[in-house]
Amino acid sequence: YELEKIPVLFSGDFNDWRNSLQIGKQLGLKEVPPLPSF
């Protein structure tokens, strides 16, 4: 969907409490500072 060309807001339950996936880095996104949720 060529999402690198438009602004993106991507959120959800990533179930990645250790942040091992580094999703933001993989997709070129900035992360809103996370807060505890579980």
PDB file of all heavy atoms in Angstrom:
ATOM      1  N   TYR A   1       0.807  -1.212   0.000  1.00  0.00           N
ATOM      2  CA  TYR A   1       0.000   0.000   0.000  1.00  0.00           C
ATOM      3  C   TYR A   1       0.845   1.269   0.000  1.00  0.00           C
ATOM      4  O   TYR A   1       0.320   2.361   0.204  1.00  0.00           O
ATOM      5  CB  TYR A   1      -0.994  -0.018   1.163  1.00  0.00           C
ATOM      6  CG  TYR A   1      -2.107  -0.998   0.915  1.00  0.00           C
ATOM      7  CD1 TYR A   1      -2.005  -2.320   1.355  1.00  0.00           C
ATOM      8  CD2 TYR A   1      -3.229  -0.622   0.193  1.00  0.00           C
ATOM      9  CE1 TYR A   1      -3.015  -3.239   1.089  1.00  0.00           C
ATOM     10  CE2 TYR A   1      -4.239  -1.537  -0.071  1.00  0.00           C
ATOM     11  CZ  TYR A   1      -4.119  -2.836   0.379  1.00  0.00           C
ATOM     12  OH  TYR A   1      -5.113  -3.729   0.116  1.00  0.00           O
ATOM     13  N   GLU A   2       2.157   1.098  -0.214  1.00  0.00           N
ATOM     14  CA  GLU A   2       3.086   2.224  -0.317  1.00  0.00           C
ATOM     15  C   GLU A   2       2.915   3.204   0.842  1.00  0.00           C
ATOM     16  O   GLU A   2       2.811   4.420   0.654  1.00  0.00           O
ATOM     17  CB  GLU A   2       2.925   2.916  -1.672  1.00  0.00           C
ATOM     18  CG  GLU A   2       3.211   1.993  -2.832  1.00  0.00           C
ATOM     19  CD  GLU A   2       3.061   2.646  -4.192  1.00  0.00           C
ATOM     20  OE1 GLU A   2       2.361   3.686  -4.303  1.00  0.00           O
ATOM     21  OE2 GLU A   2       3.653   2.124  -5.142  1.00  0.00           O
ATOM     22  N   LEU A   3       2.889   2.658   2.041  1.00  0.00           N
ATOM     23  CA  LEU A   3       2.641   3.482   3.222  1.00  0.00           C
ATOM     24  C   LEU A   3       3.824   4.361   3.603  1.00  0.00           C
ATOM     25  O   LEU A   3       3.698   5.212   4.484  1.00  0.00           O
ATOM     26  CB  LEU A   3       2.212   2.604   4.398  1.00  0.00           C
ATOM     27  CG  LEU A   3       0.889   1.868   4.209  1.00  0.00           C
ATOM     28  CD1 LEU A   3       0.526   1.083   5.446  1.00  0.00           C
ATOM     29  CD2 LEU A   3      -0.233   2.828   3.853  1.00  0.00           C
ATOM     30  N   GLU A   4       4.960   4.196   2.935  1.00  0.00           N
ATOM     31  CA  GLU A   4       6.088   5.086   3.208  1.00  0.00           C
ATOM     32  C   GLU A   4       5.843   6.480   2.640  1.00  0.00           C
ATOM     33  O   GLU A   4       6.534   7.426   2.979  1.00  0.00           O
ATOM     34  CB  GLU A   4       7.400   4.508   2.665  1.00  0.00           C
ATOM     35  CG  GLU A   4       7.567   4.571   1.154  1.00  0.00           C
ATOM     36  CD  GLU A   4       6.844   3.476   0.386  1.00  0.00           C
ATOM     37  OE1 GLU A   4       6.336   2.522   1.022  1.00  0.00           O
ATOM     38  OE2 GLU A   4       6.783   3.574  -0.839  1.00  0.00           O
ATOM     39  N   LYS A   5       4.815   6.603   1.780  1.00  0.00           N
ATOM     40  CA  LYS A   5       4.537   7.876   1.115  1.00  0.00           C
ATOM     41  C   LYS A   5       3.528   8.750   1.861  1.00  0.00           C
ATOM     42  O   LYS A   5       3.333   9.898   1.487  1.00  0.00           O
ATOM     43  CB  LYS A   5       4.025   7.617  -0.304  1.00  0.00           C
ATOM     44  CG  LYS A   5       5.045   6.945  -1.187  1.00  0.00           C
ATOM     45  CD  LYS A   5       4.496   6.699  -2.566  1.00  0.00           C
ATOM     46  CE  LYS A   5       5.541   6.020  -3.445  1.00  0.00           C
ATOM     47  NZ  LYS A   5       5.013   5.760  -4.792  1.00  0.00           N
ATOM     48  N   ILE A   6       2.864   8.211   2.880  1.00  0.00           N
ATOM     49  CA  ILE A   6       1.845   8.986   3.602  1.00  0.00           C
ATOM     50  C   ILE A   6       2.049   8.838   5.111  1.00  0.00           C
ATOM     51  O   ILE A   6       2.681   7.881   5.570  1.00  0.00           O
ATOM     52  CB  ILE A   6       0.410   8.533   3.217  1.00  0.00           C
ATOM     53  CG1 ILE A   6       0.174   7.060   3.577  1.00  0.00           C
ATOM     54  CG2 ILE A   6       0.129   8.794   1.751  1.00  0.00           C
ATOM     55  CD1 ILE A   6      -1.259   6.611   3.374  1.00  0.00           C
ATOM     56  N   PRO A   7       1.512   9.755   5.902  1.00  0.00           N
ATOM     57  CA  PRO A   7       1.604   9.624   7.359  1.00  0.00           C
ATOM     58  C   PRO A   7       0.885   8.358   7.835  1.00  0.00           C
ATOM     59  O   PRO A   7      -0.132   7.952   7.273  1.00  0.00           O
ATOM     60  CB  PRO A   7       0.888  10.870   7.879  1.00  0.00           C
ATOM     61  CG  PRO A   7       0.963  11.852   6.761  1.00  0.00           C
ATOM     62  CD  PRO A   7       0.886  11.025   5.508  1.00  0.00           C
ATOM     63  N   VAL A   8       1.463   7.753   8.875  1.00  0.00           N
ATOM     64  CA  VAL A   8       0.952   6.477   9.403  1.00  0.00           C
ATOM     65  C   VAL A   8       0.829   6.547  10.917  1.00  0.00           C
ATOM     66  O   VAL A   8       1.722   7.060  11.599  1.00  0.00           O
ATOM     67  CB  VAL A   8       1.903   5.312   9.034  1.00  0.00           C
ATOM     68  CG1 VAL A   8       1.495   4.019   9.709  1.00  0.00           C
ATOM     69  CG2 VAL A   8       1.989   5.128   7.531  1.00  0.00           C
ATOM     70  N   LEU A   9      -0.268   6.011  11.432  1.00  0.00           N
ATOM     71  CA  LEU A   9      -0.463   5.772  12.857  1.00  0.00           C
ATOM     72  C   LEU A   9      -0.752   4.285  12.987  1.00  0.00           C
ATOM     73  O   LEU A   9      -1.713   3.782  12.408  1.00  0.00           O
ATOM     74  CB  LEU A   9      -1.627   6.592  13.399  1.00  0.00           C
ATOM     75  CG  LEU A   9      -1.948   6.415  14.883  1.00  0.00           C
ATOM     76  CD1 LEU A   9      -0.807   6.959  15.734  1.00  0.00           C
ATOM     77  CD2 LEU A   9      -3.243   7.106  15.233  1.00  0.00           C
ATOM     78  N   PHE A  10       0.118   3.562  13.696  1.00  0.00           N
ATOM     79  CA  PHE A  10       0.028   2.104  13.791  1.00  0.00           C
ATOM     80  C   PHE A  10       0.041   1.726  15.265  1.00  0.00           C
ATOM     81  O   PHE A  10       0.999   2.010  15.977  1.00  0.00           O
ATOM     82  CB  PHE A  10       1.211   1.484  13.056  1.00  0.00           C
ATOM     83  CG  PHE A  10       1.219  -0.021  13.008  1.00  0.00           C
ATOM     84  CD1 PHE A  10       0.060  -0.764  12.863  1.00  0.00           C
ATOM     85  CD2 PHE A  10       2.421  -0.716  13.060  1.00  0.00           C
ATOM     86  CE1 PHE A  10       0.079  -2.139  12.795  1.00  0.00           C
ATOM     87  CE2 PHE A  10       2.455  -2.097  12.989  1.00  0.00           C
ATOM     88  CZ  PHE A  10       1.281  -2.809  12.855  1.00  0.00           C
ATOM     89  N   SER A  11      -1.030   1.111  15.729  1.00  0.00           N
ATOM     90  CA  SER A  11      -1.128   0.782  17.153  1.00  0.00           C
ATOM     91  C   SER A  11      -1.697  -0.617  17.338  1.00  0.00           C
ATOM     92  O   SER A  11      -2.186  -1.228  16.391  1.00  0.00           O
ATOM     93  CB  SER A  11      -2.030   1.800  17.860  1.00  0.00           C
ATOM     94  OG  SER A  11      -3.349   1.692  17.369  1.00  0.00           O
ATOM     95  N   GLY A  12      -1.627  -1.093  18.560  1.00  0.00           N
ATOM     96  CA  GLY A  12      -2.252  -2.366  18.849  1.00  0.00           C
ATOM     97  C   GLY A  12      -1.618  -3.084  20.021  1.00  0.00           C
ATOM     98  O   GLY A  12      -0.736  -2.572  20.706  1.00  0.00           O
ATOM     99  N   ASP A  13      -2.090  -4.294  20.212  1.00  0.00           N
ATOM    100  CA  ASP A  13      -1.557  -5.194  21.230  1.00  0.00           C
ATOM    101  C   ASP A  13      -0.510  -6.054  20.529  1.00  0.00           C
ATOM    102  O   ASP A  13      -0.835  -6.980  19.805  1.00  0.00           O
ATOM    103  CB  ASP A  13      -2.684  -6.058  21.802  1.00  0.00           C
ATOM    104  CG  ASP A  13      -2.213  -6.994  22.904  1.00  0.00           C
ATOM    105  OD1 ASP A  13      -0.976  -7.188  23.042  1.00  0.00           O
ATOM    106  OD2 ASP A  13      -3.067  -7.550  23.607  1.00  0.00           O
ATOM    107  N   PHE A  14       0.740  -5.704  20.731  1.00  0.00           N
ATOM    108  CA  PHE A  14       1.833  -6.401  20.059  1.00  0.00           C
ATOM    109  C   PHE A  14       2.324  -7.615  20.845  1.00  0.00           C
ATOM    110  O   PHE A  14       3.123  -8.388  20.338  1.00  0.00           O
ATOM    111  CB  PHE A  14       2.978  -5.432  19.775  1.00  0.00           C
ATOM    112  CG  PHE A  14       2.618  -4.405  18.737  1.00  0.00           C
ATOM    113  CD1 PHE A  14       2.005  -3.224  19.089  1.00  0.00           C
ATOM    114  CD2 PHE A  14       2.869  -4.645  17.399  1.00  0.00           C
ATOM    115  CE1 PHE A  14       1.653  -2.283  18.129  1.00  0.00           C
ATOM    116  CE2 PHE A  14       2.521  -3.721  16.424  1.00  0.00           C
ATOM    117  CZ  PHE A  14       1.907  -2.538  16.799  1.00  0.00           C
ATOM    118  N   ASN A  15       1.854  -7.771  22.087  1.00  0.00           N
ATOM    119  CA  ASN A  15       2.268  -8.895  22.935  1.00  0.00           C
ATOM    120  C   ASN A  15       3.782  -9.060  22.980  1.00  0.00           C
ATOM    121  O   ASN A  15       4.296 -10.162  23.082  1.00  0.00           O
ATOM    122  CB  ASN A  15       1.605 -10.199  22.474  1.00  0.00           C
ATOM    123  CG  ASN A  15       0.197 -10.320  22.990  1.00  0.00           C
ATOM    124  OD1 ASN A  15      -0.064 -10.073  24.157  1.00  0.00           O
ATOM    125  ND2 ASN A  15      -0.722 -10.675  22.113  1.00  0.00           N
ATOM    126  N   ASP A  16       4.492  -7.959  22.887  1.00  0.00           N
ATOM    127  CA  ASP A  16       5.959  -7.980  22.824  1.00  0.00           C
ATOM    128  C   ASP A  16       6.523  -7.239  24.027  1.00  0.00           C
ATOM    129  O   ASP A  16       7.090  -6.165  23.903  1.00  0.00           O
ATOM    130  CB  ASP A  16       6.407  -7.340  21.502  1.00  0.00           C
ATOM    131  CG  ASP A  16       7.894  -7.475  21.250  1.00  0.00           C
ATOM    132  OD1 ASP A  16       8.525  -8.388  21.828  1.00  0.00           O
ATOM    133  OD2 ASP A  16       8.422  -6.653  20.484  1.00  0.00           O
ATOM    134  N   TRP A  17       6.332  -7.817  25.216  1.00  0.00           N
ATOM    135  CA  TRP A  17       6.707  -7.143  26.458  1.00  0.00           C
ATOM    136  C   TRP A  17       8.196  -6.905  26.565  1.00  0.00           C
ATOM    137  O   TRP A  17       8.622  -6.014  27.271  1.00  0.00           O
ATOM    138  CB  TRP A  17       6.186  -7.900  27.683  1.00  0.00           C
ATOM    139  CG  TRP A  17       6.553  -9.344  27.711  1.00  0.00           C
ATOM    140  CD1 TRP A  17       7.650  -9.902  28.281  1.00  0.00           C
ATOM    141  CD2 TRP A  17       5.820 -10.417  27.125  1.00  0.00           C
ATOM    142  NE1 TRP A  17       7.655 -11.253  28.095  1.00  0.00           N
ATOM    143  CE2 TRP A  17       6.523 -11.603  27.382  1.00  0.00           C
ATOM    144  CE3 TRP A  17       4.635 -10.493  26.411  1.00  0.00           C
ATOM    145  CZ2 TRP A  17       6.091 -12.842  26.946  1.00  0.00           C
ATOM    146  CZ3 TRP A  17       4.207 -11.734  25.985  1.00  0.00           C
ATOM    147  CH2 TRP A  17       4.929 -12.888  26.249  1.00  0.00           C
ATOM    148  N   ARG A  18       9.013  -7.653  25.838  1.00  0.00           N
ATOM    149  CA  ARG A  18      10.473  -7.429  25.860  1.00  0.00           C
ATOM    150  C   ARG A  18      10.921  -6.525  24.722  1.00  0.00           C
ATOM    151  O   ARG A  18      12.105  -6.232  24.596  1.00  0.00           O
ATOM    152  CB  ARG A  18      11.202  -8.760  25.786  1.00  0.00           C
ATOM    153  CG  ARG A  18      10.975  -9.637  27.003  1.00  0.00           C
ATOM    154  CD  ARG A  18      11.858 -10.862  26.983  1.00  0.00           C
ATOM    155  NE  ARG A  18      11.805 -11.519  25.679  1.00  0.00           N
ATOM    156  CZ  ARG A  18      11.456 -12.776  25.471  1.00  0.00           C
ATOM    157  NH1 ARG A  18      11.132 -13.534  26.490  1.00  0.00           N
ATOM    158  NH2 ARG A  18      11.447 -13.290  24.273  1.00  0.00           N
ATOM    159  N   ASN A  19      10.001  -6.117  23.859  1.00  0.00           N
ATOM    160  CA  ASN A  19      10.290  -5.303  22.676  1.00  0.00           C
ATOM    161  C   ASN A  19      11.368  -5.952  21.807  1.00  0.00           C
ATOM    162  O   ASN A  19      12.227  -5.278  21.243  1.00  0.00           O
ATOM    163  CB  ASN A  19      10.678  -3.869  23.061  1.00  0.00           C
ATOM    164  CG  ASN A  19      10.544  -2.916  21.904  1.00  0.00           C
ATOM    165  OD1 ASN A  19       9.825  -3.167  20.941  1.00  0.00           O
ATOM    166  ND2 ASN A  19      11.234  -1.807  21.988  1.00  0.00           N
ATOM    167  N   SER A  20      11.315  -7.259  21.704  1.00  0.00           N
ATOM    168  CA  SER A  20      12.318  -8.003  20.937  1.00  0.00           C
ATOM    169  C   SER A  20      12.117  -7.887  19.430  1.00  0.00           C
ATOM    170  O   SER A  20      13.046  -8.081  18.663  1.00  0.00           O
ATOM    171  CB  SER A  20      12.311  -9.478  21.351  1.00  0.00           C
ATOM    172  OG  SER A  20      11.049 -10.060  21.073  1.00  0.00           O
ATOM    173  N   LEU A  21      10.903  -7.548  19.002  1.00  0.00           N
ATOM    174  CA  LEU A  21      10.627  -7.457  17.567  1.00  0.00           C
ATOM    175  C   LEU A  21      11.147  -6.166  16.952  1.00  0.00           C
ATOM    176  O   LEU A  21      11.385  -6.108  15.751  1.00  0.00           O
ATOM    177  CB  LEU A  21       9.122  -7.570  17.304  1.00  0.00           C
ATOM    178  CG  LEU A  21       8.476  -8.896  17.696  1.00  0.00           C
ATOM    179  CD1 LEU A  21       6.965  -8.816  17.503  1.00  0.00           C
ATOM    180  CD2 LEU A  21       9.055 -10.040  16.884  1.00  0.00           C
ATOM    181  N   GLN A  22      11.284  -5.122  17.771  1.00  0.00           N
ATOM    182  CA  GLN A  22      11.750  -3.829  17.263  1.00  0.00           C
ATOM    183  C   GLN A  22      10.928  -3.396  16.043  1.00  0.00           C
ATOM    184  O   GLN A  22      11.461  -3.026  14.996  1.00  0.00           O
ATOM    185  CB  GLN A  22      13.239  -3.888  16.930  1.00  0.00           C
ATOM    186  CG  GLN A  22      14.130  -4.170  18.117  1.00  0.00           C
ATOM    187  CD  GLN A  22      14.204  -2.990  19.063  1.00  0.00           C
ATOM    188  OE1 GLN A  22      14.463  -1.876  18.640  1.00  0.00           O
ATOM    189  NE2 GLN A  22      13.965  -3.220  20.336  1.00  0.00           N
ATOM    190  N   ILE A  23       9.617  -3.471  16.176  1.00  0.00           N
ATOM    191  CA  ILE A  23       8.706  -3.209  15.060  1.00  0.00           C
ATOM    192  C   ILE A  23       8.896  -1.804  14.503  1.00  0.00           C
ATOM    193  O   ILE A  23       8.912  -1.603  13.286  1.00  0.00           O
ATOM    194  CB  ILE A  23       7.250  -3.452  15.495  1.00  0.00           C
ATOM    195  CG1 ILE A  23       7.054  -4.932  15.773  1.00  0.00           C
ATOM    196  CG2 ILE A  23       6.269  -2.960  14.436  1.00  0.00           C
ATOM    197  CD1 ILE A  23       5.772  -5.263  16.473  1.00  0.00           C
ATOM    198  N   GLY A  24       9.049  -0.824  15.369  1.00  0.00           N
ATOM    199  CA  GLY A  24       9.238   0.541  14.899  1.00  0.00           C
ATOM    200  C   GLY A  24      10.443   0.660  13.988  1.00  0.00           C
ATOM    201  O   GLY A  24      10.365   1.250  12.911  1.00  0.00           O
ATOM    202  N   LYS A  25      11.557   0.090  14.398  1.00  0.00           N
ATOM    203  CA  LYS A  25      12.769   0.138  13.578  1.00  0.00           C
ATOM    204  C   LYS A  25      12.569  -0.610  12.268  1.00  0.00           C
ATOM    205  O   LYS A  25      13.005  -0.157  11.214  1.00  0.00           O
ATOM    206  CB  LYS A  25      13.955  -0.435  14.343  1.00  0.00           C
ATOM    207  CG  LYS A  25      14.447   0.456  15.452  1.00  0.00           C
ATOM    208  CD  LYS A  25      15.641  -0.144  16.141  1.00  0.00           C
ATOM    209  CE  LYS A  25      16.089   0.727  17.292  1.00  0.00           C
ATOM    210  NZ  LYS A  25      17.215   0.145  18.017  1.00  0.00           N
ATOM    211  N   GLN A  26      11.925  -1.767  12.324  1.00  0.00           N
ATOM    212  CA  GLN A  26      11.724  -2.569  11.113  1.00  0.00           C
ATOM    213  C   GLN A  26      10.869  -1.842  10.077  1.00  0.00           C
ATOM    214  O   GLN A  26      11.053  -2.031   8.881  1.00  0.00           O
ATOM    215  CB  GLN A  26      11.068  -3.907  11.452  1.00  0.00           C
ATOM    216  CG  GLN A  26      11.971  -4.868  12.180  1.00  0.00           C
ATOM    217  CD  GLN A  26      11.388  -6.258  12.182  1.00  0.00           C
ATOM    218  OE1 GLN A  26      11.032  -6.791  11.150  1.00  0.00           O
ATOM    219  NE2 GLN A  26      11.304  -6.854  13.358  1.00  0.00           N
ATOM    220  N   LEU A  27       9.937  -1.012  10.551  1.00  0.00           N
ATOM    221  CA  LEU A  27       9.010  -0.343   9.643  1.00  0.00           C
ATOM    222  C   LEU A  27       9.325   1.138   9.458  1.00  0.00           C
ATOM    223  O   LEU A  27       8.590   1.848   8.775  1.00  0.00           O
ATOM    224  CB  LEU A  27       7.578  -0.513  10.150  1.00  0.00           C
ATOM    225  CG  LEU A  27       7.068  -1.946  10.213  1.00  0.00           C
ATOM    226  CD1 LEU A  27       5.705  -2.000  10.883  1.00  0.00           C
ATOM    227  CD2 LEU A  27       7.012  -2.562   8.822  1.00  0.00           C
ATOM    228  N   GLY A  28      10.401   1.617  10.081  1.00  0.00           N
ATOM    229  CA  GLY A  28      10.763   3.021   9.949  1.00  0.00           C
ATOM    230  C   GLY A  28       9.795   3.956  10.644  1.00  0.00           C
ATOM    231  O   GLY A  28       9.524   5.049  10.158  1.00  0.00           O
ATOM    232  N   LEU A  29       9.273   3.532  11.795  1.00  0.00           N
ATOM    233  CA  LEU A  29       8.297   4.312  12.551  1.00  0.00           C
ATOM    234  C   LEU A  29       8.886   4.774  13.874  1.00  0.00           C
ATOM    235  O   LEU A  29       9.734   4.101  14.458  1.00  0.00           O
ATOM    236  CB  LEU A  29       7.050   3.467  12.830  1.00  0.00           C
ATOM    237  CG  LEU A  29       6.343   2.853  11.631  1.00  0.00           C
ATOM    238  CD1 LEU A  29       5.263   1.899  12.099  1.00  0.00           C
ATOM    239  CD2 LEU A  29       5.766   3.925  10.743  1.00  0.00           C
ATOM    240  N   LYS A  30       8.411   5.899  14.357  1.00  0.00           N
ATOM    241  CA  LYS A  30       8.762   6.369  15.694  1.00  0.00           C
ATOM    242  C   LYS A  30       7.766   5.756  16.672  1.00  0.00           C
ATOM    243  O   LYS A  30       6.623   5.489  16.318  1.00  0.00           O
ATOM    244  CB  LYS A  30       8.680   7.889  15.767  1.00  0.00           C
ATOM    245  CG  LYS A  30       9.676   8.581  14.870  1.00  0.00           C
ATOM    246  CD  LYS A  30       9.493  10.077  14.954  1.00  0.00           C
ATOM    247  CE  LYS A  30      10.440  10.768  13.992  1.00  0.00           C
ATOM    248  NZ  LYS A  30      10.235  12.232  13.999  1.00  0.00           N
ATOM    249  N   GLU A  31       8.224   5.566  17.913  1.00  0.00           N
ATOM    250  CA  GLU A  31       7.338   4.976  18.923  1.00  0.00           C
ATOM    251  C   GLU A  31       6.920   6.020  19.946  1.00  0.00           C
ATOM    252  O   GLU A  31       7.759   6.777  20.455  1.00  0.00           O
ATOM    253  CB  GLU A  31       8.051   3.825  19.635  1.00  0.00           C
ATOM    254  CG  GLU A  31       7.178   3.130  20.651  1.00  0.00           C
ATOM    255  CD  GLU A  31       7.838   1.907  21.287  1.00  0.00           C
ATOM    256  OE1 GLU A  31       9.034   1.681  21.064  1.00  0.00           O
ATOM    257  OE2 GLU A  31       7.135   1.198  22.015  1.00  0.00           O
ATOM    258  N   VAL A  32       5.634   6.080  20.216  1.00  0.00           N
ATOM    259  CA  VAL A  32       5.151   6.877  21.333  1.00  0.00           C
ATOM    260  C   VAL A  32       5.669   6.185  22.593  1.00  0.00           C
ATOM    261  O   VAL A  32       5.586   4.961  22.695  1.00  0.00           O
ATOM    262  CB  VAL A  32       3.602   6.925  21.342  1.00  0.00           C
ATOM    263  CG1 VAL A  32       3.095   7.633  22.577  1.00  0.00           C
ATOM    264  CG2 VAL A  32       3.092   7.598  20.078  1.00  0.00           C
ATOM    265  N   PRO A  33       6.252   6.919  23.542  1.00  0.00           N
ATOM    266  CA  PRO A  33       6.775   6.251  24.737  1.00  0.00           C
ATOM    267  C   PRO A  33       5.732   5.319  25.351  1.00  0.00           C
ATOM    268  O   PRO A  33       4.635   5.751  25.699  1.00  0.00           O
ATOM    269  CB  PRO A  33       7.118   7.411  25.667  1.00  0.00           C
ATOM    270  CG  PRO A  33       7.395   8.555  24.749  1.00  0.00           C
ATOM    271  CD  PRO A  33       6.438   8.361  23.595  1.00  0.00           C
ATOM    272  N   PRO A  34       6.074   4.013  25.440  1.00  0.00           N
ATOM    273  CA  PRO A  34       5.089   3.044  25.933  1.00  0.00           C
ATOM    274  C   PRO A  34       4.843   3.177  27.429  1.00  0.00           C
ATOM    275  O   PRO A  34       5.721   3.576  28.187  1.00  0.00           O
ATOM    276  CB  PRO A  34       5.718   1.696  25.603  1.00  0.00           C
ATOM    277  CG  PRO A  34       7.182   1.948  25.553  1.00  0.00           C
ATOM    278  CD  PRO A  34       7.350   3.376  25.101  1.00  0.00           C
ATOM    279  N   LEU A  35       3.632   2.826  27.805  1.00  0.00           N
ATOM    280  CA  LEU A  35       3.245   2.793  29.206  1.00  0.00           C
ATOM    281  C   LEU A  35       2.810   1.375  29.557  1.00  0.00           C
ATOM    282  O   LEU A  35       2.322   0.640  28.691  1.00  0.00           O
ATOM    283  CB  LEU A  35       2.093   3.763  29.461  1.00  0.00           C
ATOM    284  CG  LEU A  35       2.414   5.231  29.243  1.00  0.00           C
ATOM    285  CD1 LEU A  35       1.139   6.070  29.262  1.00  0.00           C
ATOM    286  CD2 LEU A  35       3.387   5.728  30.295  1.00  0.00           C
ATOM    287  N   PRO A  36       2.982   0.969  30.803  1.00  0.00           N
ATOM    288  CA  PRO A  36       2.544  -0.377  31.189  1.00  0.00           C
ATOM    289  C   PRO A  36       1.063  -0.586  30.898  1.00  0.00           C
ATOM    290  O   PRO A  36       0.242   0.296  31.162  1.00  0.00           O
ATOM    291  CB  PRO A  36       2.831  -0.428  32.692  1.00  0.00           C
ATOM    292  CG  PRO A  36       3.880   0.608  32.921  1.00  0.00           C
ATOM    293  CD  PRO A  36       3.599   1.692  31.917  1.00  0.00           C
ATOM    294  N   SER A  37       0.742  -1.757  30.345  1.00  0.00           N
ATOM    295  CA  SER A  37      -0.655  -2.034  29.990  1.00  0.00           C
ATOM    296  C   SER A  37      -1.105  -3.445  30.388  1.00  0.00           C
ATOM    297  O   SER A  37      -2.238  -3.815  30.133  1.00  0.00           O
ATOM    298  CB  SER A  37      -0.866  -1.830  28.490  1.00  0.00           C
ATOM    299  OG  SER A  37      -0.006  -2.639  27.737  1.00  0.00           O
ATOM    300  N   PHE A  38      -0.212  -4.235  30.998  1.00  0.00           N
ATOM    301  CA  PHE A  38      -0.582  -5.594  31.378  1.00  0.00           C
ATOM    302  C   PHE A  38       0.075  -5.949  32.701  1.00  0.00           C
ATOM    303  O   PHE A  38       1.235  -5.597  32.908  1.00  0.00           O
ATOM    304  CB  PHE A  38      -0.127  -6.582  30.298  1.00  0.00           C
ATOM    305  CG  PHE A  38      -0.506  -8.000  30.618  1.00  0.00           C
ATOM    306  CD1 PHE A  38      -1.759  -8.483  30.309  1.00  0.00           C
ATOM    307  CD2 PHE A  38       0.397  -8.840  31.258  1.00  0.00           C
ATOM    308  CE1 PHE A  38      -2.112  -9.784  30.620  1.00  0.00           C
ATOM    309  CE2 PHE A  38       0.047 -10.141  31.575  1.00  0.00           C
ATOM    310  CZ  PHE A  38      -1.207 -10.607  31.257  1.00  0.00           C
TER     311      PHE A  38
END
